[in-house]
């Protein structure tokens, strides 16, 4: 795995863990579903609960750069 991919995985892992951290959980009630939506134009991963309300989002800038470069090929 490349160093860039490892950084992105660490960022996502840290963000997901922060959702349920004991100190200040973002998710304070049980969820039956968690929906993920990747916005390739901005490199943002949005997380939604089972009522379609945004719980959080995290920017993965390498995704935006990769997607932009994809169309230049």
PDB file of N, CA and C in Angstrom:
ATOM      1  N   UNK A   1       0.853  -1.173   0.000  1.00  0.00           N
ATOM      2  CA  UNK A   1       0.000   0.000   0.000  1.00  0.00           C
ATOM      3  C   UNK A   1       0.900   1.237   0.000  1.00  0.00           C
ATOM      4  N   UNK A   2       0.545   2.215  -0.813  1.00  0.00           N
ATOM      5  CA  UNK A   2       1.373   3.410  -0.908  1.00  0.00           C
ATOM      6  C   UNK A   2       1.224   4.264   0.355  1.00  0.00           C
ATOM      7  N   UNK A   3       2.205   5.125   0.555  1.00  0.00           N
ATOM      8  CA  UNK A   3       2.182   5.997   1.729  1.00  0.00           C
ATOM      9  C   UNK A   3       0.980   6.932   1.689  1.00  0.00           C
ATOM     10  N   UNK A   4       0.606   7.385   0.495  1.00  0.00           N
ATOM     11  CA  UNK A   4      -0.563   8.255   0.345  1.00  0.00           C
ATOM     12  C   UNK A   4      -1.842   7.526   0.755  1.00  0.00           C
ATOM     13  N   UNK A   5      -1.997   6.291   0.291  1.00  0.00           N
ATOM     14  CA  UNK A   5      -3.184   5.511   0.660  1.00  0.00           C
ATOM     15  C   UNK A   5      -3.233   5.269   2.157  1.00  0.00           C
ATOM     16  N   UNK A   6      -2.089   5.015   2.758  1.00  0.00           N
ATOM     17  CA  UNK A   6      -2.046   4.774   4.201  1.00  0.00           C
ATOM     18  C   UNK A   6      -2.485   6.027   4.964  1.00  0.00           C
ATOM     19  N   UNK A   7      -2.066   7.201   4.525  1.00  0.00           N
ATOM     20  CA  UNK A   7      -2.493   8.456   5.172  1.00  0.00           C
ATOM     21  C   UNK A   7      -4.001   8.631   5.068  1.00  0.00           C
ATOM     22  N   UNK A   8      -4.549   8.340   3.898  1.00  0.00           N
ATOM     23  CA  UNK A   8      -5.989   8.477   3.702  1.00  0.00           C
ATOM     24  C   UNK A   8      -6.756   7.493   4.589  1.00  0.00           C
ATOM     25  N   UNK A   9      -6.277   6.257   4.684  1.00  0.00           N
ATOM     26  CA  UNK A   9      -6.921   5.274   5.552  1.00  0.00           C
ATOM     27  C   UNK A   9      -6.863   5.694   7.015  1.00  0.00           C
ATOM     28  N   UNK A  10      -5.736   6.241   7.432  1.00  0.00           N
ATOM     29  CA  UNK A  10      -5.613   6.720   8.806  1.00  0.00           C
ATOM     30  C   UNK A  10      -6.590   7.859   9.072  1.00  0.00           C
ATOM     31  N   UNK A  11      -6.725   8.772   8.123  1.00  0.00           N
ATOM     32  CA  UNK A  11      -7.663   9.884   8.259  1.00  0.00           C
ATOM     33  C   UNK A  11      -9.095   9.366   8.412  1.00  0.00           C
ATOM     34  N   UNK A  12      -9.480   8.431   7.548  1.00  0.00           N
ATOM     35  CA  UNK A  12     -10.836   7.880   7.609  1.00  0.00           C
ATOM     36  C   UNK A  12     -11.051   7.083   8.895  1.00  0.00           C
ATOM     37  N   UNK A  13     -10.059   6.293   9.286  1.00  0.00           N
ATOM     38  CA  UNK A  13     -10.174   5.515  10.525  1.00  0.00           C
ATOM     39  C   UNK A  13     -10.360   6.438  11.727  1.00  0.00           C
ATOM     40  N   UNK A  14      -9.562   7.492  11.779  1.00  0.00           N
ATOM     41  CA  UNK A  14      -9.656   8.456  12.883  1.00  0.00           C
ATOM     42  C   UNK A  14     -11.034   9.117  12.900  1.00  0.00           C
ATOM     43  N   UNK A  15     -11.536   9.470  11.725  1.00  0.00           N
ATOM     44  CA  UNK A  15     -12.849  10.123  11.648  1.00  0.00           C
ATOM     45  C   UNK A  15     -13.958   9.180  12.105  1.00  0.00           C
ATOM     46  N   UNK A  16     -13.950   7.941  11.632  1.00  0.00           N
ATOM     47  CA  UNK A  16     -14.977   6.979  12.037  1.00  0.00           C
ATOM     48  C   UNK A  16     -14.920   6.718  13.536  1.00  0.00           C
ATOM     49  N   UNK A  17     -13.732   6.601  14.097  1.00  0.00           N
ATOM     50  CA  UNK A  17     -13.608   6.368  15.535  1.00  0.00           C
ATOM     51  C   UNK A  17     -14.103   7.569  16.338  1.00  0.00           C
ATOM     52  N   UNK A  18     -13.924   8.777  15.797  1.00  0.00           N
ATOM     53  CA  UNK A  18     -14.392   9.970  16.509  1.00  0.00           C
ATOM     54  C   UNK A  18     -15.917  10.009  16.601  1.00  0.00           C
ATOM     55  N   UNK A  19     -16.585   9.314  15.692  1.00  0.00           N
ATOM     56  CA  UNK A  19     -18.048   9.286  15.723  1.00  0.00           C
ATOM     57  C   UNK A  19     -18.579   8.614  16.981  1.00  0.00           C
ATOM     58  N   UNK A  20     -17.824   7.694  17.522  1.00  0.00           N
ATOM     59  CA  UNK A  20     -18.286   6.928  18.683  1.00  0.00           C
ATOM     60  C   UNK A  20     -17.343   7.048  19.885  1.00  0.00           C
ATOM     61  N   UNK A  21     -16.477   8.033  19.876  1.00  0.00           N
ATOM     62  CA  UNK A  21     -15.526   8.187  20.975  1.00  0.00           C
ATOM     63  C   UNK A  21     -16.257   8.414  22.292  1.00  0.00           C
ATOM     64  N   UNK A  22     -15.667   7.938  23.364  1.00  0.00           N
ATOM     65  CA  UNK A  22     -16.304   8.063  24.675  1.00  0.00           C
ATOM     66  C   UNK A  22     -16.307   9.500  25.185  1.00  0.00           C
ATOM     67  N   UNK A  23     -15.307  10.289  24.818  1.00  0.00           N
ATOM     68  CA  UNK A  23     -15.202  11.662  25.323  1.00  0.00           C
ATOM     69  C   UNK A  23     -16.321  12.557  24.796  1.00  0.00           C
ATOM     70  N   UNK A  24     -16.518  12.542  23.497  1.00  0.00           N
ATOM     71  CA  UNK A  24     -17.559  13.401  22.898  1.00  0.00           C
ATOM     72  C   UNK A  24     -18.073  12.746  21.621  1.00  0.00           C
ATOM     73  N   UNK A  25     -18.928  11.766  21.768  1.00  0.00           N
ATOM     74  CA  UNK A  25     -19.409  11.065  20.577  1.00  0.00           C
ATOM     75  C   UNK A  25     -20.278  11.955  19.697  1.00  0.00           C
ATOM     76  N   UNK A  26     -20.084  11.854  18.423  1.00  0.00           N
ATOM     77  CA  UNK A  26     -20.921  12.574  17.464  1.00  0.00           C
ATOM     78  C   UNK A  26     -22.249  11.835  17.328  1.00  0.00           C
ATOM     79  N   UNK A  27     -22.173  10.520  17.337  1.00  0.00           N
ATOM     80  CA  UNK A  27     -23.382   9.692  17.275  1.00  0.00           C
ATOM     81  C   UNK A  27     -23.732   9.295  18.695  1.00  0.00           C
ATOM     82  N   UNK A  28     -24.845   9.791  19.185  1.00  0.00           N
ATOM     83  CA  UNK A  28     -25.228   9.531  20.572  1.00  0.00           C
ATOM     84  C   UNK A  28     -26.412   8.570  20.703  1.00  0.00           C
ATOM     85  N   UNK A  29     -26.930   8.101  19.582  1.00  0.00           N
ATOM     86  CA  UNK A  29     -28.057   7.170  19.622  1.00  0.00           C
ATOM     87  C   UNK A  29     -27.760   6.008  18.684  1.00  0.00           C
ATOM     88  N   UNK A  30     -28.415   4.890  18.895  1.00  0.00           N
ATOM     89  CA  UNK A  30     -28.184   3.738  18.020  1.00  0.00           C
ATOM     90  C   UNK A  30     -28.610   4.032  16.580  1.00  0.00           C
ATOM     91  N   UNK A  31     -27.845   3.529  15.639  1.00  0.00           N
ATOM     92  CA  UNK A  31     -28.174   3.652  14.220  1.00  0.00           C
ATOM     93  C   UNK A  31     -28.376   2.262  13.643  1.00  0.00           C
ATOM     94  N   UNK A  32     -29.328   2.143  12.757  1.00  0.00           N
ATOM     95  CA  UNK A  32     -29.495   0.876  12.061  1.00  0.00           C
ATOM     96  C   UNK A  32     -28.765   0.891  10.733  1.00  0.00           C
ATOM     97  N   UNK A  33     -28.583   2.079  10.160  1.00  0.00           N
ATOM     98  CA  UNK A  33     -27.896   2.220   8.878  1.00  0.00           C
ATOM     99  C   UNK A  33     -26.984   3.440   8.910  1.00  0.00           C
ATOM    100  N   UNK A  34     -25.900   3.341   8.195  1.00  0.00           N
ATOM    101  CA  UNK A  34     -24.979   4.453   8.015  1.00  0.00           C
ATOM    102  C   UNK A  34     -24.692   4.532   6.526  1.00  0.00           C
ATOM    103  N   UNK A  35     -25.024   5.654   5.922  1.00  0.00           N
ATOM    104  CA  UNK A  35     -24.850   5.830   4.489  1.00  0.00           C
ATOM    105  C   UNK A  35     -23.644   6.719   4.224  1.00  0.00           C
ATOM    106  N   UNK A  36     -22.844   6.321   3.240  1.00  0.00           N
ATOM    107  CA  UNK A  36     -21.662   7.078   2.854  1.00  0.00           C
ATOM    108  C   UNK A  36     -21.858   7.597   1.437  1.00  0.00           C
ATOM    109  N   UNK A  37     -21.508   8.858   1.241  1.00  0.00           N
ATOM    110  CA  UNK A  37     -21.603   9.462  -0.082  1.00  0.00           C
ATOM    111  C   UNK A  37     -20.299  10.189  -0.357  1.00  0.00           C
ATOM    112  N   UNK A  38     -19.582   9.750  -1.372  1.00  0.00           N
ATOM    113  CA  UNK A  38     -18.322  10.386  -1.750  1.00  0.00           C
ATOM    114  C   UNK A  38     -18.592  11.432  -2.829  1.00  0.00           C
ATOM    115  N   UNK A  39     -18.172  12.659  -2.563  1.00  0.00           N
ATOM    116  CA  UNK A  39     -18.276  13.738  -3.541  1.00  0.00           C
ATOM    117  C   UNK A  39     -16.906  13.851  -4.203  1.00  0.00           C
ATOM    118  N   UNK A  40     -16.796  13.294  -5.390  1.00  0.00           N
ATOM    119  CA  UNK A  40     -15.500  13.232  -6.067  1.00  0.00           C
ATOM    120  C   UNK A  40     -14.994  14.603  -6.505  1.00  0.00           C
ATOM    121  N   UNK A  41     -15.882  15.540  -6.742  1.00  0.00           N
ATOM    122  CA  UNK A  41     -15.467  16.873  -7.175  1.00  0.00           C
ATOM    123  C   UNK A  41     -14.720  17.612  -6.070  1.00  0.00           C
ATOM    124  N   UNK A  42     -15.150  17.407  -4.818  1.00  0.00           N
ATOM    125  CA  UNK A  42     -14.517  18.112  -3.700  1.00  0.00           C
ATOM    126  C   UNK A  42     -13.627  17.206  -2.865  1.00  0.00           C
ATOM    127  N   UNK A  43     -13.720  15.883  -3.075  1.00  0.00           N
ATOM    128  CA  UNK A  43     -12.935  14.953  -2.275  1.00  0.00           C
ATOM    129  C   UNK A  43     -13.484  14.799  -0.871  1.00  0.00           C
ATOM    130  N   UNK A  44     -14.789  14.971  -0.713  1.00  0.00           N
ATOM    131  CA  UNK A  44     -15.419  14.912   0.608  1.00  0.00           C
ATOM    132  C   UNK A  44     -16.240  13.644   0.741  1.00  0.00           C
ATOM    133  N   UNK A  45     -16.115  12.985   1.897  1.00  0.00           N
ATOM    134  CA  UNK A  45     -16.937  11.836   2.221  1.00  0.00           C
ATOM    135  C   UNK A  45     -17.977  12.293   3.229  1.00  0.00           C
ATOM    136  N   UNK A  46     -19.258  12.181   2.868  1.00  0.00           N
ATOM    137  CA  UNK A  46     -20.364  12.577   3.735  1.00  0.00           C
ATOM    138  C   UNK A  46     -20.948  11.323   4.371  1.00  0.00           C
ATOM    139  N   UNK A  47     -21.304  11.412   5.655  1.00  0.00           N
ATOM    140  CA  UNK A  47     -21.923  10.309   6.377  1.00  0.00           C
ATOM    141  C   UNK A  47     -23.321  10.730   6.799  1.00  0.00           C
ATOM    142  N   UNK A  48     -24.302   9.882   6.487  1.00  0.00           N
ATOM    143  CA  UNK A  48     -25.704  10.161   6.795  1.00  0.00           C
ATOM    144  C   UNK A  48     -26.277   9.059   7.679  1.00  0.00           C
ATOM    145  N   UNK A  49     -27.226   9.431   8.540  1.00  0.00           N
ATOM    146  CA  UNK A  49     -27.885   8.433   9.381  1.00  0.00           C
ATOM    147  C   UNK A  49     -29.070   7.838   8.633  1.00  0.00           C
ATOM    148  N   UNK A  50     -29.818   6.979   9.316  1.00  0.00           N
ATOM    149  CA  UNK A  50     -30.927   6.301   8.666  1.00  0.00           C
ATOM    150  C   UNK A  50     -32.129   7.199   8.414  1.00  0.00           C
ATOM    151  N   UNK A  51     -32.069   8.448   8.856  1.00  0.00           N
ATOM    152  CA  UNK A  51     -33.121   9.427   8.556  1.00  0.00           C
ATOM    153  C   UNK A  51     -32.647  10.434   7.515  1.00  0.00           C
ATOM    154  N   UNK A  52     -31.555  10.110   6.846  1.00  0.00           N
ATOM    155  CA  UNK A  52     -30.953  10.942   5.790  1.00  0.00           C
ATOM    156  C   UNK A  52     -30.456  12.298   6.288  1.00  0.00           C
ATOM    157  N   UNK A  53     -30.106  12.388   7.553  1.00  0.00           N
ATOM    158  CA  UNK A  53     -29.508  13.600   8.101  1.00  0.00           C
ATOM    159  C   UNK A  53     -27.997  13.423   8.113  1.00  0.00           C
ATOM    160  N   UNK A  54     -27.285  14.471   7.680  1.00  0.00           N
ATOM    161  CA  UNK A  54     -25.824  14.371   7.667  1.00  0.00           C
ATOM    162  C   UNK A  54     -25.294  14.336   9.090  1.00  0.00           C
ATOM    163  N   UNK A  55     -24.510  13.317   9.372  1.00  0.00           N
ATOM    164  CA  UNK A  55     -23.881  13.169  10.679  1.00  0.00           C
ATOM    165  C   UNK A  55     -22.571  13.936  10.705  1.00  0.00           C
ATOM    166  N   UNK A  56     -21.799  13.752   9.659  1.00  0.00           N
ATOM    167  CA  UNK A  56     -20.499  14.417   9.574  1.00  0.00           C
ATOM    168  C   UNK A  56     -19.983  14.316   8.146  1.00  0.00           C
ATOM    169  N   UNK A  57     -18.846  14.930   7.923  1.00  0.00           N
ATOM    170  CA  UNK A  57     -18.153  14.811   6.639  1.00  0.00           C
ATOM    171  C   UNK A  57     -16.664  14.996   6.893  1.00  0.00           C
ATOM    172  N   UNK A  58     -15.893  14.449   6.000  1.00  0.00           N
ATOM    173  CA  UNK A  58     -14.442  14.552   6.105  1.00  0.00           C
ATOM    174  C   UNK A  58     -13.888  14.745   4.691  1.00  0.00           C
ATOM    175  N   UNK A  59     -12.921  15.631   4.576  1.00  0.00           N
ATOM    176  CA  UNK A  59     -12.298  15.899   3.275  1.00  0.00           C
ATOM    177  C   UNK A  59     -11.064  15.031   3.099  1.00  0.00           C
ATOM    178  N   UNK A  60     -11.005  14.377   1.964  1.00  0.00           N
ATOM    179  CA  UNK A  60      -9.832  13.582   1.585  1.00  0.00           C
ATOM    180  C   UNK A  60      -9.336  14.223   0.299  1.00  0.00           C
ATOM    181  N   UNK A  61      -8.437  15.179   0.447  1.00  0.00           N
ATOM    182  CA  UNK A  61      -8.045  16.019  -0.678  1.00  0.00           C
ATOM    183  C   UNK A  61      -7.440  15.230  -1.828  1.00  0.00           C
ATOM    184  N   UNK A  62      -6.779  14.124  -1.534  1.00  0.00           N
ATOM    185  CA  UNK A  62      -6.187  13.314  -2.602  1.00  0.00           C
ATOM    186  C   UNK A  62      -7.260  12.766  -3.539  1.00  0.00           C
ATOM    187  N   UNK A  63      -8.476  12.533  -3.021  1.00  0.00           N
ATOM    188  CA  UNK A  63      -9.543  12.047  -3.877  1.00  0.00           C
ATOM    189  C   UNK A  63      -9.936  13.107  -4.895  1.00  0.00           C
ATOM    190  N   UNK A  64     -10.014  14.350  -4.496  1.00  0.00           N
ATOM    191  CA  UNK A  64     -10.391  15.426  -5.411  1.00  0.00           C
ATOM    192  C   UNK A  64      -9.333  15.571  -6.498  1.00  0.00           C
ATOM    193  N   UNK A  65      -8.087  15.511  -6.106  1.00  0.00           N
ATOM    194  CA  UNK A  65      -6.999  15.633  -7.073  1.00  0.00           C
ATOM    195  C   UNK A  65      -7.028  14.461  -8.039  1.00  0.00           C
ATOM    196  N   UNK A  66      -7.223  13.251  -7.525  1.00  0.00           N
ATOM    197  CA  UNK A  66      -7.254  12.058  -8.379  1.00  0.00           C
ATOM    198  C   UNK A  66      -8.404  12.129  -9.370  1.00  0.00           C
ATOM    199  N   UNK A  67      -9.573  12.549  -8.907  1.00  0.00           N
ATOM    200  CA  UNK A  67     -10.736  12.626  -9.778  1.00  0.00           C
ATOM    201  C   UNK A  67     -10.530  13.664 -10.865  1.00  0.00           C
ATOM    202  N   UNK A  68      -9.950  14.809 -10.518  1.00  0.00           N
ATOM    203  CA  UNK A  68      -9.675  15.850 -11.503  1.00  0.00           C
ATOM    204  C   UNK A  68      -8.702  15.338 -12.557  1.00  0.00           C
ATOM    205  N   UNK A  69      -7.661  14.652 -12.103  1.00  0.00           N
ATOM    206  CA  UNK A  69      -6.668  14.121 -13.041  1.00  0.00           C
ATOM    207  C   UNK A  69      -7.251  13.012 -13.901  1.00  0.00           C
ATOM    208  N   UNK A  70      -8.226  12.297 -13.406  1.00  0.00           N
ATOM    209  CA  UNK A  70      -8.844  11.212 -14.159  1.00  0.00           C
ATOM    210  C   UNK A  70      -9.411  11.734 -15.477  1.00  0.00           C
ATOM    211  N   UNK A  71     -10.055  12.888 -15.435  1.00  0.00           N
ATOM    212  CA  UNK A  71     -10.698  13.422 -16.641  1.00  0.00           C
ATOM    213  C   UNK A  71      -9.705  14.010 -17.622  1.00  0.00           C
ATOM    214  N   UNK A  72      -8.465  14.253 -17.202  1.00  0.00           N
ATOM    215  CA  UNK A  72      -7.447  14.803 -18.086  1.00  0.00           C
ATOM    216  C   UNK A  72      -6.764  13.722 -18.909  1.00  0.00           C
ATOM    217  N   UNK A  73      -6.996  12.464 -18.582  1.00  0.00           N
ATOM    218  CA  UNK A  73      -6.330  11.365 -19.271  1.00  0.00           C
ATOM    219  C   UNK A  73      -6.886  11.207 -20.664  1.00  0.00           C
TER     220      UNK A  73
END
